[in-house]
Amino acid sequence: MANGWSLVIGLIVIVVFCGVSWCAAPKGENQTVWRSTLILSAVACFLMWAITFLAQWHPLIQPIRNDLRPEHTPSHRAY
């Protein structure tokens, strides 16, 4: 089940990956390009995953079922 530890574990994995990318980038004139590409793409992927995860974990809008019979529909709907 999803919980808050998923974000912490994901963040730790990304930090470790960024550290390894910093140290393992091939030496040469394109070392900065390699480092920037690997670190920025990892952070962008993590942010996209985290935003999607949080949007599904705590939705801002609660779905309303339309397939219920009128006698089973609550009279007061919280919006």
N, C-alpha and C. Protein backbone atom coordinates (compact mmCIF):
# COMPACT_ATOMS: atom_id res chain seq x y z
N MET A 1 0.84 -1.18 0.00
CA MET A 1 0.00 0.00 0.00
C MET A 1 0.88 1.24 0.00
N ALA A 2 0.40 2.26 -0.60
CA ALA A 2 1.18 3.50 -0.72
C ALA A 2 1.17 4.25 0.62
N ASN A 3 2.32 4.75 0.98
CA ASN A 3 2.42 5.58 2.18
C ASN A 3 3.50 6.63 1.96
N GLY A 4 3.76 7.41 3.00
CA GLY A 4 4.73 8.49 2.88
C GLY A 4 6.16 8.04 2.68
N TRP A 5 6.47 6.79 3.04
CA TRP A 5 7.83 6.30 2.87
C TRP A 5 8.20 6.14 1.41
N SER A 6 7.22 6.01 0.54
CA SER A 6 7.52 5.89 -0.89
C SER A 6 8.26 7.12 -1.41
N LEU A 7 7.84 8.29 -0.95
CA LEU A 7 8.51 9.52 -1.37
C LEU A 7 9.93 9.60 -0.82
N VAL A 8 10.10 9.21 0.44
CA VAL A 8 11.43 9.26 1.05
C VAL A 8 12.38 8.28 0.36
N ILE A 9 11.91 7.07 0.13
CA ILE A 9 12.74 6.07 -0.54
C ILE A 9 13.08 6.51 -1.96
N GLY A 10 12.10 7.05 -2.68
CA GLY A 10 12.35 7.56 -4.03
C GLY A 10 13.37 8.69 -4.02
N LEU A 11 13.26 9.58 -3.05
CA LEU A 11 14.21 10.69 -2.96
C LEU A 11 15.62 10.18 -2.66
N ILE A 12 15.73 9.19 -1.78
CA ILE A 12 17.05 8.62 -1.46
C ILE A 12 17.66 7.97 -2.70
N VAL A 13 16.85 7.25 -3.46
CA VAL A 13 17.35 6.61 -4.68
C VAL A 13 17.84 7.66 -5.68
N ILE A 14 17.10 8.74 -5.83
CA ILE A 14 17.50 9.80 -6.77
C ILE A 14 18.77 10.50 -6.30
N VAL A 15 18.90 10.75 -5.01
CA VAL A 15 20.12 11.39 -4.49
C VAL A 15 21.33 10.50 -4.71
N VAL A 16 21.18 9.19 -4.46
CA VAL A 16 22.28 8.26 -4.70
C VAL A 16 22.64 8.22 -6.19
N PHE A 17 21.61 8.16 -7.05
CA PHE A 17 21.86 8.15 -8.49
C PHE A 17 22.57 9.43 -8.93
N CYS A 18 22.17 10.57 -8.39
CA CYS A 18 22.82 11.83 -8.76
C CYS A 18 24.28 11.85 -8.29
N GLY A 19 24.54 11.30 -7.10
CA GLY A 19 25.92 11.22 -6.62
C GLY A 19 26.78 10.33 -7.49
N VAL A 20 26.24 9.18 -7.87
CA VAL A 20 26.97 8.27 -8.75
C VAL A 20 27.18 8.91 -10.12
N SER A 21 26.16 9.59 -10.62
CA SER A 21 26.29 10.26 -11.93
C SER A 21 27.37 11.34 -11.88
N TRP A 22 27.47 12.04 -10.75
CA TRP A 22 28.48 13.09 -10.62
C TRP A 22 29.89 12.49 -10.67
N CYS A 23 30.07 11.37 -9.96
CA CYS A 23 31.40 10.76 -9.88
C CYS A 23 31.75 9.91 -11.11
N ALA A 24 30.75 9.29 -11.73
CA ALA A 24 31.02 8.34 -12.81
C ALA A 24 30.91 8.96 -14.21
N ALA A 25 30.71 10.27 -14.27
CA ALA A 25 30.63 10.91 -15.59
C ALA A 25 31.97 10.76 -16.30
N PRO A 26 31.94 10.42 -17.58
CA PRO A 26 33.20 10.23 -18.30
C PRO A 26 34.00 11.53 -18.37
N LYS A 27 35.30 11.39 -18.15
CA LYS A 27 36.19 12.56 -18.17
C LYS A 27 36.36 13.06 -19.60
N GLY A 28 36.55 14.34 -19.72
CA GLY A 28 36.76 14.94 -21.03
C GLY A 28 36.07 16.29 -21.10
N GLU A 29 36.00 16.79 -22.32
CA GLU A 29 35.43 18.13 -22.49
C GLU A 29 33.91 18.14 -22.33
N ASN A 30 33.26 16.97 -22.42
CA ASN A 30 31.80 16.90 -22.28
C ASN A 30 31.37 16.40 -20.90
N GLN A 31 32.27 16.44 -19.93
CA GLN A 31 31.93 15.94 -18.60
C GLN A 31 30.78 16.74 -17.97
N THR A 32 30.79 18.03 -18.13
CA THR A 32 29.72 18.86 -17.59
C THR A 32 28.39 18.57 -18.25
N VAL A 33 28.40 18.31 -19.55
CA VAL A 33 27.17 17.98 -20.26
C VAL A 33 26.60 16.66 -19.76
N TRP A 34 27.47 15.66 -19.56
CA TRP A 34 27.02 14.36 -19.04
C TRP A 34 26.41 14.52 -17.66
N ARG A 35 27.11 15.23 -16.78
CA ARG A 35 26.61 15.43 -15.42
C ARG A 35 25.27 16.15 -15.43
N SER A 36 25.18 17.21 -16.17
CA SER A 36 23.94 18.00 -16.22
C SER A 36 22.79 17.18 -16.78
N THR A 37 23.06 16.43 -17.84
CA THR A 37 22.01 15.64 -18.47
C THR A 37 21.49 14.56 -17.53
N LEU A 38 22.38 13.81 -16.90
CA LEU A 38 21.96 12.73 -16.03
C LEU A 38 21.24 13.24 -14.78
N ILE A 39 21.77 14.27 -14.16
CA ILE A 39 21.18 14.77 -12.92
C ILE A 39 19.85 15.47 -13.19
N LEU A 40 19.80 16.31 -14.22
CA LEU A 40 18.54 17.01 -14.52
C LEU A 40 17.44 16.05 -14.96
N SER A 41 17.78 15.03 -15.74
CA SER A 41 16.75 14.08 -16.17
C SER A 41 16.26 13.25 -14.99
N ALA A 42 17.14 12.86 -14.07
CA ALA A 42 16.73 12.11 -12.89
C ALA A 42 15.81 12.94 -11.99
N VAL A 43 16.17 14.19 -11.78
CA VAL A 43 15.35 15.06 -10.94
C VAL A 43 14.00 15.33 -11.60
N ALA A 44 13.98 15.54 -12.90
CA ALA A 44 12.72 15.77 -13.61
C ALA A 44 11.81 14.54 -13.54
N CYS A 45 12.39 13.36 -13.71
CA CYS A 45 11.59 12.12 -13.60
C CYS A 45 11.04 11.95 -12.20
N PHE A 46 11.87 12.24 -11.18
CA PHE A 46 11.40 12.12 -9.80
C PHE A 46 10.27 13.10 -9.52
N LEU A 47 10.42 14.34 -9.97
CA LEU A 47 9.37 15.33 -9.74
C LEU A 47 8.06 14.94 -10.42
N MET A 48 8.14 14.44 -11.63
CA MET A 48 6.94 14.01 -12.34
C MET A 48 6.27 12.85 -11.60
N TRP A 49 7.06 11.89 -11.16
CA TRP A 49 6.52 10.76 -10.41
C TRP A 49 5.92 11.22 -9.09
N ALA A 50 6.61 12.10 -8.36
CA ALA A 50 6.13 12.55 -7.06
C ALA A 50 4.84 13.34 -7.18
N ILE A 51 4.73 14.20 -8.17
CA ILE A 51 3.51 14.98 -8.37
C ILE A 51 2.35 14.06 -8.72
N THR A 52 2.58 13.09 -9.59
CA THR A 52 1.53 12.13 -9.95
C THR A 52 1.14 11.29 -8.75
N PHE A 53 2.11 10.83 -7.98
CA PHE A 53 1.86 10.02 -6.79
C PHE A 53 1.02 10.80 -5.77
N LEU A 54 1.41 12.03 -5.49
CA LEU A 54 0.68 12.83 -4.51
C LEU A 54 -0.71 13.20 -4.99
N ALA A 55 -0.88 13.42 -6.28
CA ALA A 55 -2.20 13.74 -6.82
C ALA A 55 -3.16 12.57 -6.67
N GLN A 56 -2.66 11.35 -6.74
CA GLN A 56 -3.51 10.19 -6.57
C GLN A 56 -3.66 9.81 -5.09
N TRP A 57 -2.69 10.16 -4.28
CA TRP A 57 -2.71 9.81 -2.87
C TRP A 57 -3.72 10.66 -2.11
N HIS A 58 -3.75 11.96 -2.38
CA HIS A 58 -4.69 12.89 -1.76
C HIS A 58 -5.38 13.71 -2.85
N PRO A 59 -6.41 13.14 -3.47
CA PRO A 59 -7.08 13.87 -4.55
C PRO A 59 -7.80 15.11 -4.02
N LEU A 60 -7.81 16.16 -4.82
CA LEU A 60 -8.49 17.39 -4.43
C LEU A 60 -9.99 17.31 -4.68
N ILE A 61 -10.40 16.50 -5.61
CA ILE A 61 -11.81 16.37 -5.97
C ILE A 61 -12.23 14.93 -5.72
N GLN A 62 -13.32 14.77 -4.96
CA GLN A 62 -13.82 13.42 -4.69
C GLN A 62 -14.81 13.03 -5.79
N PRO A 63 -14.65 11.86 -6.38
CA PRO A 63 -15.57 11.44 -7.44
C PRO A 63 -17.00 11.28 -6.91
N ILE A 64 -17.98 11.61 -7.75
CA ILE A 64 -19.39 11.47 -7.40
C ILE A 64 -19.97 10.39 -8.29
N ARG A 65 -20.60 9.39 -7.66
CA ARG A 65 -21.18 8.28 -8.43
C ARG A 65 -22.55 8.68 -8.95
N ASN A 66 -22.78 8.46 -10.23
CA ASN A 66 -24.07 8.76 -10.85
C ASN A 66 -24.90 7.51 -11.11
N ASP A 67 -24.35 6.34 -10.79
CA ASP A 67 -25.07 5.12 -11.09
C ASP A 67 -25.89 4.59 -9.91
N LEU A 68 -26.04 5.36 -8.84
CA LEU A 68 -26.82 4.94 -7.68
C LEU A 68 -28.28 5.33 -7.84
N ARG A 69 -29.15 4.54 -7.25
CA ARG A 69 -30.58 4.87 -7.25
C ARG A 69 -30.81 6.08 -6.35
N PRO A 70 -31.86 6.87 -6.61
CA PRO A 70 -32.08 8.10 -5.83
C PRO A 70 -32.21 7.86 -4.33
N GLU A 71 -32.78 6.73 -3.91
CA GLU A 71 -32.93 6.50 -2.47
C GLU A 71 -31.61 6.19 -1.77
N HIS A 72 -30.58 5.87 -2.53
CA HIS A 72 -29.27 5.59 -1.95
C HIS A 72 -28.31 6.77 -2.11
N THR A 73 -28.77 7.83 -2.69
CA THR A 73 -27.93 9.00 -2.88
C THR A 73 -28.05 9.91 -1.66
N PRO A 74 -26.94 10.32 -1.08
CA PRO A 74 -27.02 11.24 0.09
C PRO A 74 -27.63 12.57 -0.33
N SER A 75 -28.45 13.13 0.57
CA SER A 75 -29.11 14.39 0.25
C SER A 75 -28.18 15.58 0.31
N HIS A 76 -27.15 15.48 1.12
CA HIS A 76 -26.18 16.58 1.21
C HIS A 76 -24.85 16.10 0.63
N ARG A 77 -24.42 16.76 -0.38
CA ARG A 77 -23.14 16.44 -1.02
C ARG A 77 -22.12 17.50 -0.65
N ALA A 78 -21.00 17.06 -0.17
CA ALA A 78 -19.93 18.00 0.17
C ALA A 78 -19.08 18.25 -1.07
N TYR A 79 -18.96 19.48 -1.43
CA TYR A 79 -18.15 19.84 -2.60
C TYR A 79 -16.86 20.45 -2.17
